[in-house]
N, C-alpha and C. Protein backbone atom coordinates (compact mmCIF):
# COMPACT_ATOMS: atom_id res chain seq x y z
N MET A 1 -10.95 57.36 21.00
CA MET A 1 -12.23 56.58 20.83
C MET A 1 -12.24 55.05 21.12
N LEU A 2 -10.85 54.49 21.04
CA LEU A 2 -10.96 53.30 21.60
C LEU A 2 -11.09 52.94 23.22
N GLU A 3 -10.57 54.08 23.74
CA GLU A 3 -10.41 54.06 25.13
C GLU A 3 -12.31 54.47 25.32
N GLY A 4 -13.00 55.11 24.65
CA GLY A 4 -14.35 55.46 24.95
C GLY A 4 -14.98 54.12 24.64
N ALA A 5 -14.63 53.35 23.66
CA ALA A 5 -15.36 52.21 23.33
C ALA A 5 -15.10 51.01 24.45
N ARG A 6 -13.84 50.96 24.99
CA ARG A 6 -13.46 50.24 26.16
C ARG A 6 -14.53 50.53 27.32
N ALA A 7 -14.57 51.80 27.74
CA ALA A 7 -15.43 51.86 28.75
C ALA A 7 -16.89 51.74 28.50
N ALA A 8 -17.24 52.09 27.33
CA ALA A 8 -18.62 51.82 26.97
C ALA A 8 -19.30 49.96 27.18
N PHE A 9 -18.12 49.30 26.61
CA PHE A 9 -18.60 47.73 26.42
C PHE A 9 -18.21 47.52 27.82
N ALA A 10 -17.38 47.92 28.69
CA ALA A 10 -17.08 47.42 29.99
C ALA A 10 -18.61 47.54 30.86
N GLU A 11 -19.14 48.67 30.56
CA GLU A 11 -20.25 49.05 31.33
C GLU A 11 -21.48 48.66 30.80
N GLU A 12 -21.62 48.49 29.43
CA GLU A 12 -22.95 47.99 28.92
C GLU A 12 -22.69 46.68 27.95
N GLY A 13 -21.75 46.22 27.96
CA GLY A 13 -21.50 44.90 27.04
C GLY A 13 -21.59 45.10 25.73
N LEU A 14 -21.67 44.22 25.13
CA LEU A 14 -21.94 44.45 23.60
C LEU A 14 -22.90 45.28 23.06
N GLU A 15 -24.00 45.36 23.90
CA GLU A 15 -25.08 46.22 23.38
C GLU A 15 -24.79 47.73 23.22
N ALA A 16 -23.52 48.12 23.80
CA ALA A 16 -23.13 49.69 23.70
C ALA A 16 -23.40 50.04 22.43
N ASP A 17 -23.80 51.11 22.17
CA ASP A 17 -24.25 51.72 20.57
C ASP A 17 -22.93 52.71 20.31
N MET A 18 -22.83 53.10 19.29
CA MET A 18 -22.07 54.16 18.60
C MET A 18 -22.23 55.31 19.45
N ALA A 19 -23.57 55.88 19.64
CA ALA A 19 -23.66 57.13 20.31
C ALA A 19 -23.05 57.15 21.80
N SER A 20 -23.09 56.08 22.43
CA SER A 20 -22.60 55.98 23.75
C SER A 20 -20.91 55.83 23.71
N ILE A 21 -20.57 55.19 22.83
CA ILE A 21 -19.15 55.23 22.51
C ILE A 21 -18.58 56.71 22.16
N ALA A 22 -19.41 57.32 21.44
CA ALA A 22 -19.01 58.68 20.90
C ALA A 22 -19.21 59.66 22.30
N ALA A 23 -20.26 59.45 23.12
CA ALA A 23 -19.93 60.26 24.37
C ALA A 23 -18.92 59.96 24.95
N ARG A 24 -18.63 58.78 25.47
CA ARG A 24 -17.59 58.43 26.57
C ARG A 24 -16.21 59.06 26.01
N ALA A 25 -16.25 59.08 24.50
CA ALA A 25 -14.82 59.39 23.81
C ALA A 25 -14.58 61.02 23.55
N GLY A 26 -15.78 61.66 24.02
CA GLY A 26 -15.87 63.07 24.06
C GLY A 26 -15.82 63.73 22.63
N VAL A 27 -16.48 62.80 21.53
CA VAL A 27 -16.53 63.15 20.37
C VAL A 27 -18.08 63.10 19.72
N GLY A 28 -18.37 63.34 18.48
CA GLY A 28 -19.40 63.30 18.12
C GLY A 28 -19.58 61.92 17.37
N VAL A 29 -20.97 61.51 17.32
CA VAL A 29 -21.32 59.89 16.83
C VAL A 29 -20.72 59.89 15.38
N GLY A 30 -20.73 61.09 14.75
CA GLY A 30 -20.21 61.40 13.23
C GLY A 30 -18.84 60.82 13.01
N THR A 31 -18.02 61.34 13.90
CA THR A 31 -16.50 61.05 14.05
C THR A 31 -16.16 59.85 14.36
N VAL A 32 -16.96 59.00 15.17
CA VAL A 32 -16.84 57.57 15.57
C VAL A 32 -17.04 56.85 14.28
N TYR A 33 -18.06 57.24 13.31
CA TYR A 33 -18.47 56.49 12.34
C TYR A 33 -17.51 56.71 11.11
N ARG A 34 -16.73 57.99 10.83
CA ARG A 34 -15.73 58.36 10.22
C ARG A 34 -14.42 57.41 10.27
N HIS A 35 -14.27 56.94 11.55
CA HIS A 35 -12.95 56.21 11.87
C HIS A 35 -13.39 54.79 11.58
N PHE A 36 -14.74 54.35 12.16
CA PHE A 36 -15.15 52.97 12.39
C PHE A 36 -16.58 53.00 11.72
N PRO A 37 -16.60 52.75 10.44
CA PRO A 37 -18.10 52.76 9.66
C PRO A 37 -18.93 51.74 10.26
N THR A 38 -18.51 50.77 11.17
CA THR A 38 -19.43 49.58 11.73
C THR A 38 -18.93 49.42 13.04
N LYS A 39 -19.99 48.85 13.70
CA LYS A 39 -19.59 48.30 15.10
C LYS A 39 -18.43 47.23 14.90
N ALA A 40 -18.79 46.64 13.99
CA ALA A 40 -17.68 45.29 13.60
C ALA A 40 -16.33 45.96 13.30
N ALA A 41 -16.06 47.03 12.62
CA ALA A 41 -14.91 47.50 12.51
C ALA A 41 -14.23 48.22 13.78
N LEU A 42 -14.96 48.64 14.54
CA LEU A 42 -14.60 48.98 15.95
C LEU A 42 -14.08 48.04 16.66
N LEU A 43 -15.02 46.73 16.62
CA LEU A 43 -14.46 45.69 17.52
C LEU A 43 -13.38 45.09 16.96
N THR A 44 -13.07 45.18 15.74
CA THR A 44 -11.77 44.61 14.90
C THR A 44 -10.45 45.33 15.66
N ALA A 45 -10.91 46.65 15.54
CA ALA A 45 -9.75 47.61 15.97
C ALA A 45 -9.42 47.38 17.62
N LEU A 46 -10.39 47.27 18.37
CA LEU A 46 -10.31 46.83 19.82
C LEU A 46 -9.56 45.74 19.94
N SER A 47 -9.88 44.52 19.03
CA SER A 47 -9.18 43.24 19.11
C SER A 47 -7.78 43.35 18.95
N GLU A 48 -7.69 44.12 17.69
CA GLU A 48 -6.16 44.16 17.44
C GLU A 48 -5.43 44.96 18.59
N ALA A 49 -5.71 45.90 18.89
CA ALA A 49 -5.28 46.48 20.10
C ALA A 49 -4.72 45.62 21.32
N HIS A 50 -6.05 44.80 21.77
CA HIS A 50 -5.68 43.76 22.87
C HIS A 50 -4.64 42.86 22.38
N PHE A 51 -4.79 42.11 21.14
CA PHE A 51 -3.97 41.07 21.04
C PHE A 51 -2.61 41.70 20.65
N GLY A 52 -2.49 42.79 20.21
CA GLY A 52 -1.19 43.47 20.23
C GLY A 52 -0.44 43.46 21.76
N GLY A 53 -1.29 43.92 22.65
CA GLY A 53 -0.66 43.85 23.99
C GLY A 53 -0.24 42.62 24.49
N LEU A 54 -1.17 41.51 24.19
CA LEU A 54 -0.68 40.21 24.47
C LEU A 54 0.44 39.63 23.54
N VAL A 55 0.82 40.33 22.18
CA VAL A 55 1.91 39.74 21.65
C VAL A 55 3.19 40.20 22.31
N GLU A 56 3.05 41.57 22.85
CA GLU A 56 4.32 42.16 23.63
C GLU A 56 4.42 41.43 24.79
N ILE A 57 3.36 40.86 25.59
CA ILE A 57 3.56 40.16 26.60
C ILE A 57 4.22 38.86 26.29
N CYS A 58 3.89 38.11 25.43
CA CYS A 58 4.34 36.96 25.00
C CYS A 58 5.77 37.03 24.48
N GLU A 59 6.31 38.11 24.15
CA GLU A 59 7.69 38.23 23.47
C GLU A 59 8.13 38.45 24.71
N ARG A 60 7.82 39.44 25.79
CA ARG A 60 8.78 39.54 27.09
C ARG A 60 8.87 38.16 27.68
N ALA A 61 8.06 37.69 27.84
CA ALA A 61 8.03 36.33 28.68
C ALA A 61 8.84 35.25 27.89
N SER A 62 8.99 35.23 26.59
CA SER A 62 9.91 34.33 25.90
C SER A 62 11.51 34.67 25.90
N ALA A 63 11.49 36.20 26.05
CA ALA A 63 12.96 36.62 26.18
C ALA A 63 13.54 36.57 27.69
N GLN A 64 12.80 36.48 28.48
CA GLN A 64 13.54 36.37 29.91
C GLN A 64 14.21 35.01 29.98
N PRO A 65 15.30 34.97 30.96
CA PRO A 65 15.90 33.87 31.18
C PRO A 65 15.21 32.85 31.84
N GLY A 66 15.48 31.41 31.83
CA GLY A 66 14.63 30.47 32.23
C GLY A 66 14.17 29.45 31.23
N SER A 67 13.47 28.57 31.65
CA SER A 67 13.04 27.40 30.67
C SER A 67 11.69 27.74 30.01
N ALA A 68 11.50 27.41 29.11
CA ALA A 68 10.15 27.56 28.13
C ALA A 68 8.94 27.45 29.10
N TRP A 69 8.90 26.65 30.41
CA TRP A 69 7.82 26.40 31.08
C TRP A 69 7.71 27.75 31.87
N ASP A 70 8.94 28.25 32.29
CA ASP A 70 8.94 29.50 33.03
C ASP A 70 8.32 30.68 32.30
N ALA A 71 8.47 30.82 30.86
CA ALA A 71 8.10 31.81 30.05
C ALA A 71 6.44 31.37 29.80
N VAL A 72 5.98 30.04 29.62
CA VAL A 72 4.44 29.72 29.62
C VAL A 72 3.80 30.34 30.90
N GLU A 73 4.51 30.03 32.10
CA GLU A 73 3.83 30.54 33.30
C GLU A 73 3.80 32.22 33.23
N ARG A 74 5.00 32.91 32.83
CA ARG A 74 5.05 34.48 32.73
C ARG A 74 3.91 34.88 31.67
N LEU A 75 3.80 34.03 30.69
CA LEU A 75 2.72 34.51 29.80
C LEU A 75 1.36 34.37 30.22
N VAL A 76 1.21 33.25 30.76
CA VAL A 76 -0.35 33.22 31.51
C VAL A 76 -0.59 34.23 32.45
N TRP A 77 0.16 34.36 33.50
CA TRP A 77 0.03 35.32 34.65
C TRP A 77 -0.11 36.58 34.09
N ASP A 78 1.17 37.08 33.21
CA ASP A 78 0.99 38.40 32.78
C ASP A 78 -0.21 38.92 31.87
N SER A 79 -0.69 38.01 30.96
CA SER A 79 -1.67 37.90 30.36
C SER A 79 -2.97 37.97 31.08
N ALA A 80 -3.07 37.09 32.10
CA ALA A 80 -4.20 37.55 32.82
C ALA A 80 -4.34 38.71 33.74
N GLU A 81 -3.25 39.25 34.29
CA GLU A 81 -3.33 40.63 34.83
C GLU A 81 -3.63 41.66 33.85
N PHE A 82 -3.06 41.48 32.67
CA PHE A 82 -3.60 42.61 31.55
C PHE A 82 -5.03 42.47 31.28
N SER A 83 -5.48 41.27 31.05
CA SER A 83 -6.83 41.01 30.95
C SER A 83 -7.85 41.36 31.92
N ALA A 84 -7.43 41.22 33.20
CA ALA A 84 -8.35 41.24 34.37
C ALA A 84 -8.63 42.67 34.51
N SER A 85 -7.91 43.63 34.09
CA SER A 85 -8.19 45.26 34.18
C SER A 85 -9.04 45.50 33.25
N ASP A 86 -9.37 44.61 32.28
CA ASP A 86 -10.36 45.13 31.07
C ASP A 86 -11.34 44.14 30.87
N GLN A 87 -12.27 43.80 31.67
CA GLN A 87 -13.36 42.83 31.61
C GLN A 87 -14.20 43.11 30.49
N GLY A 88 -14.36 44.23 30.20
CA GLY A 88 -15.34 44.79 28.73
C GLY A 88 -14.64 43.95 27.72
N MET A 89 -13.43 44.21 27.61
CA MET A 89 -12.69 43.64 26.46
C MET A 89 -12.75 41.96 26.52
N CYS A 90 -12.82 41.21 27.58
CA CYS A 90 -13.12 40.05 27.65
C CYS A 90 -14.26 39.77 27.22
N GLU A 91 -15.42 40.53 27.38
CA GLU A 91 -16.60 40.06 26.65
C GLU A 91 -16.88 40.31 25.41
N VAL A 92 -15.87 41.39 24.95
CA VAL A 92 -15.99 41.77 23.36
C VAL A 92 -15.44 40.44 22.73
N LEU A 93 -14.13 39.87 23.28
CA LEU A 93 -13.34 38.82 22.50
C LEU A 93 -14.18 37.70 22.65
N ALA A 94 -14.92 37.41 23.72
CA ALA A 94 -15.93 36.15 23.91
C ALA A 94 -17.06 36.42 23.10
N GLY A 95 -17.60 37.38 22.70
CA GLY A 95 -18.92 37.76 22.06
C GLY A 95 -18.72 38.07 20.52
N ALA A 96 -17.70 38.30 20.24
CA ALA A 96 -17.44 38.82 18.94
C ALA A 96 -16.06 38.58 18.38
N PRO A 97 -15.35 37.01 18.55
CA PRO A 97 -14.23 36.82 18.13
C PRO A 97 -13.60 37.35 16.79
N THR A 98 -12.61 37.81 16.81
CA THR A 98 -12.12 38.59 15.35
C THR A 98 -10.95 37.95 15.21
N GLU A 99 -10.61 37.71 14.05
CA GLU A 99 -9.31 37.04 13.50
C GLU A 99 -8.25 38.53 13.14
N THR A 100 -7.17 38.61 13.76
CA THR A 100 -6.72 39.98 13.62
C THR A 100 -5.02 39.77 13.39
N ASP A 101 -4.14 40.37 12.71
CA ASP A 101 -2.81 40.01 12.61
C ASP A 101 -2.11 39.64 13.96
N ALA A 102 -2.51 40.49 14.72
CA ALA A 102 -1.84 40.33 16.33
C ALA A 102 -2.43 38.90 16.95
N ALA A 103 -3.58 38.60 16.63
CA ALA A 103 -4.21 37.26 17.11
C ALA A 103 -3.44 36.35 16.55
N ARG A 104 -3.12 36.36 15.23
CA ARG A 104 -2.35 35.29 14.53
C ARG A 104 -0.99 34.97 14.96
N ARG A 105 -0.60 36.29 15.22
CA ARG A 105 1.15 36.52 15.85
C ARG A 105 1.13 35.73 17.18
N LEU A 106 0.06 36.03 17.83
CA LEU A 106 0.23 35.72 19.28
C LEU A 106 0.24 33.83 19.35
N ARG A 107 -0.88 33.33 18.39
CA ARG A 107 -1.14 32.15 18.15
C ARG A 107 0.32 31.41 17.83
N GLU A 108 1.02 32.03 16.68
CA GLU A 108 2.28 31.47 16.43
C GLU A 108 3.42 31.48 17.56
N LEU A 109 3.42 32.42 18.33
CA LEU A 109 4.47 32.80 19.49
C LEU A 109 4.11 31.86 20.31
N THR A 110 2.95 31.67 20.71
CA THR A 110 2.33 30.73 21.85
C THR A 110 2.57 29.33 21.33
N ALA A 111 2.51 28.73 20.15
CA ALA A 111 2.80 27.37 19.59
C ALA A 111 4.06 27.19 19.74
N ARG A 112 5.07 28.12 19.56
CA ARG A 112 6.42 27.85 19.55
C ARG A 112 6.84 27.60 21.02
N LEU A 113 6.20 28.14 21.64
CA LEU A 113 6.67 28.41 23.18
C LEU A 113 6.12 27.11 24.01
N VAL A 114 4.96 26.63 23.55
CA VAL A 114 4.29 25.23 23.87
C VAL A 114 5.02 24.12 23.56
N GLU A 115 5.53 24.17 22.47
CA GLU A 115 6.45 23.11 21.60
C GLU A 115 7.62 22.98 22.17
N LYS A 116 8.03 24.21 22.71
CA LYS A 116 9.69 24.06 23.15
C LYS A 116 9.54 23.58 24.75
N ALA A 117 8.45 23.87 25.48
CA ALA A 117 8.21 23.51 26.94
C ALA A 117 7.83 21.96 26.87
N LYS A 118 7.35 21.61 26.09
CA LYS A 118 7.09 19.83 25.66
C LYS A 118 8.32 19.46 25.59
N THR A 119 9.06 19.72 24.62
CA THR A 119 10.44 19.17 24.19
C THR A 119 11.13 19.17 25.26
N GLU A 120 11.14 20.30 26.13
CA GLU A 120 11.95 20.14 27.54
C GLU A 120 11.48 19.32 28.45
N GLY A 121 10.33 18.77 28.24
CA GLY A 121 9.89 17.75 29.44
C GLY A 121 8.91 18.28 30.51
N ASP A 122 8.64 19.72 30.20
CA ASP A 122 7.92 20.50 31.52
C ASP A 122 6.56 20.46 31.19
N MET A 123 6.21 20.21 29.98
CA MET A 123 4.69 20.60 29.62
C MET A 123 4.33 19.19 29.25
N ARG A 124 2.97 18.71 29.76
CA ARG A 124 2.20 17.63 29.26
C ARG A 124 2.44 17.45 27.84
N HIS A 125 2.65 15.97 27.41
CA HIS A 125 2.96 15.87 26.03
C HIS A 125 1.56 16.01 24.95
N ASP A 126 0.50 16.03 25.69
CA ASP A 126 -0.79 16.05 25.14
C ASP A 126 -1.49 17.41 25.06
N ALA A 127 -0.61 18.42 26.00
CA ALA A 127 -0.97 19.92 25.76
C ALA A 127 -0.86 20.51 24.33
N GLY A 128 -1.61 21.45 23.89
CA GLY A 128 -1.35 22.03 22.59
C GLY A 128 -1.30 23.47 22.62
N PRO A 129 -1.29 24.29 21.54
CA PRO A 129 -1.10 25.78 21.75
C PRO A 129 -2.43 26.41 22.00
N ASP A 130 -3.46 25.45 21.60
CA ASP A 130 -4.92 26.13 21.70
C ASP A 130 -5.44 26.04 23.12
N ASP A 131 -4.73 25.34 23.77
CA ASP A 131 -4.97 25.08 25.68
C ASP A 131 -4.82 26.50 26.20
N ILE A 132 -3.73 27.33 26.03
CA ILE A 132 -3.45 28.49 26.50
C ILE A 132 -4.63 29.69 26.42
N PRO A 133 -5.19 29.65 24.83
CA PRO A 133 -6.20 30.59 24.79
C PRO A 133 -7.37 30.22 25.64
N MET A 134 -7.79 28.69 25.52
CA MET A 134 -8.84 28.25 25.98
C MET A 134 -8.97 28.56 27.51
N MET A 135 -7.93 28.41 28.27
CA MET A 135 -7.54 28.68 29.59
C MET A 135 -7.88 30.22 29.77
N MET A 136 -7.42 31.05 29.19
CA MET A 136 -7.40 32.50 29.14
C MET A 136 -9.00 32.74 28.90
N CYS A 137 -9.62 32.02 28.20
CA CYS A 137 -11.33 32.32 28.18
C CYS A 137 -11.89 31.91 29.46
N GLY A 138 -11.41 30.68 29.83
CA GLY A 138 -12.15 30.38 31.19
C GLY A 138 -11.85 31.46 32.31
N PHE A 139 -10.40 31.82 32.40
CA PHE A 139 -10.00 32.95 33.13
C PHE A 139 -11.10 33.98 33.20
N GLY A 140 -11.21 34.54 31.96
CA GLY A 140 -12.10 35.76 31.59
C GLY A 140 -13.39 35.74 32.31
N ARG A 141 -14.00 34.46 32.23
CA ARG A 141 -15.33 34.23 33.03
C ARG A 141 -15.16 34.29 34.53
N ILE A 142 -14.19 33.63 34.96
CA ILE A 142 -13.97 33.59 36.46
C ILE A 142 -13.73 35.15 37.04
N ALA A 143 -12.79 35.78 36.21
CA ALA A 143 -12.58 37.28 36.59
C ALA A 143 -13.92 37.95 36.49
N ALA A 144 -14.78 37.89 35.41
CA ALA A 144 -15.83 38.57 35.42
C ALA A 144 -16.73 38.26 36.72
N ALA A 145 -16.74 37.15 36.84
CA ALA A 145 -17.80 36.45 37.86
C ALA A 145 -17.37 37.23 39.28
N GLN A 146 -15.98 37.11 39.42
CA GLN A 146 -15.53 37.69 40.68
C GLN A 146 -15.64 39.35 40.80
N GLN A 147 -15.54 39.80 39.44
CA GLN A 147 -16.04 41.42 39.70
C GLN A 147 -17.27 41.70 40.17
N ALA A 148 -18.17 40.56 39.54
CA ALA A 148 -19.92 40.71 39.91
C ALA A 148 -20.27 40.53 41.08
N GLY A 149 -19.04 40.13 42.24
CA GLY A 149 -19.25 39.81 43.41
C GLY A 149 -19.52 38.07 43.80
N ALA A 150 -18.76 37.27 42.93
CA ALA A 150 -18.69 35.88 43.27
C ALA A 150 -17.59 35.74 44.08
N HIS A 151 -17.66 34.90 45.06
CA HIS A 151 -16.46 34.53 46.05
C HIS A 151 -15.76 33.79 45.18
N LEU A 152 -14.82 34.22 44.14
CA LEU A 152 -13.95 33.33 43.41
C LEU A 152 -12.57 34.06 43.51
N ASP A 153 -11.57 33.46 43.50
CA ASP A 153 -10.21 34.08 43.25
C ASP A 153 -9.48 33.37 42.05
N TRP A 154 -9.66 34.47 40.94
CA TRP A 154 -9.14 34.15 39.41
C TRP A 154 -7.59 33.63 39.78
N ARG A 155 -6.81 34.00 40.66
CA ARG A 155 -5.54 33.54 40.83
C ARG A 155 -5.47 32.03 41.12
N ARG A 156 -6.27 31.58 42.00
CA ARG A 156 -6.36 30.46 42.22
C ARG A 156 -6.54 29.55 41.21
N TYR A 157 -7.57 29.88 40.35
CA TYR A 157 -8.10 29.11 39.09
C TYR A 157 -6.81 29.08 38.12
N LEU A 158 -6.03 30.31 38.17
CA LEU A 158 -4.96 30.10 37.19
C LEU A 158 -3.73 29.20 37.57
N ARG A 159 -3.58 29.10 38.91
CA ARG A 159 -2.70 28.19 39.46
C ARG A 159 -3.11 26.64 39.17
N LEU A 160 -4.51 26.22 39.34
CA LEU A 160 -4.84 25.11 38.94
C LEU A 160 -4.80 24.69 37.62
N MET A 161 -5.11 25.95 36.68
CA MET A 161 -4.97 25.61 35.39
C MET A 161 -3.39 25.27 35.02
N LEU A 162 -2.69 26.16 35.21
CA LEU A 162 -1.13 25.81 35.04
C LEU A 162 -0.68 24.43 35.69
N ASP A 163 -1.09 24.06 36.77
CA ASP A 163 -0.93 22.81 37.29
C ASP A 163 -1.39 21.71 36.23
N GLY A 164 -2.48 21.86 35.62
CA GLY A 164 -2.98 20.94 34.70
C GLY A 164 -2.15 20.75 33.61
N LEU A 165 -1.30 21.76 33.13
CA LEU A 165 -0.63 21.72 32.00
C LEU A 165 0.77 21.12 32.13
N ARG A 166 1.23 21.17 33.33
CA ARG A 166 2.65 20.77 33.81
C ARG A 166 2.61 19.45 33.65
N ALA A 167 3.90 19.08 33.37
CA ALA A 167 4.30 17.64 33.06
C ALA A 167 4.54 16.93 34.40
N ARG A 168 4.27 15.92 34.75
CA ARG A 168 4.15 15.11 36.02
C ARG A 168 5.59 14.52 36.24
């Protein structure tokens, strides 16, 4: 059902209804409602799954050898690749932000990584943990515009964003 919801939101945006989601999932609309009594509950489940994937990316980036800055770069690039393949989810997160356990965990991990990179002197002293999700939101808009036909290169913008966070 979550895959059906992702597909529906990717094509129809947040206007996708439960019947469309059910059809894409190959189940009846009653089955969707039994698992997710409201659209908000479904969006929460999608958000939790998405942020869970980002937590795994952050944990992998942090476990690799190298500096904290190297881990920040890996986190941003791998998160971008993960999210670029799911533009519907970017719209869901932008249009209906949901606080989930995975989102809180991601925020904690990112904060530790940012503070370590600052302590090591590789990240700007005025950077903060909220800068990473803000960058990723901006990236999501750029990637969506690129998919819609705009002549933009999301990878170029990620390089610019990371350069802006790097200590000089």
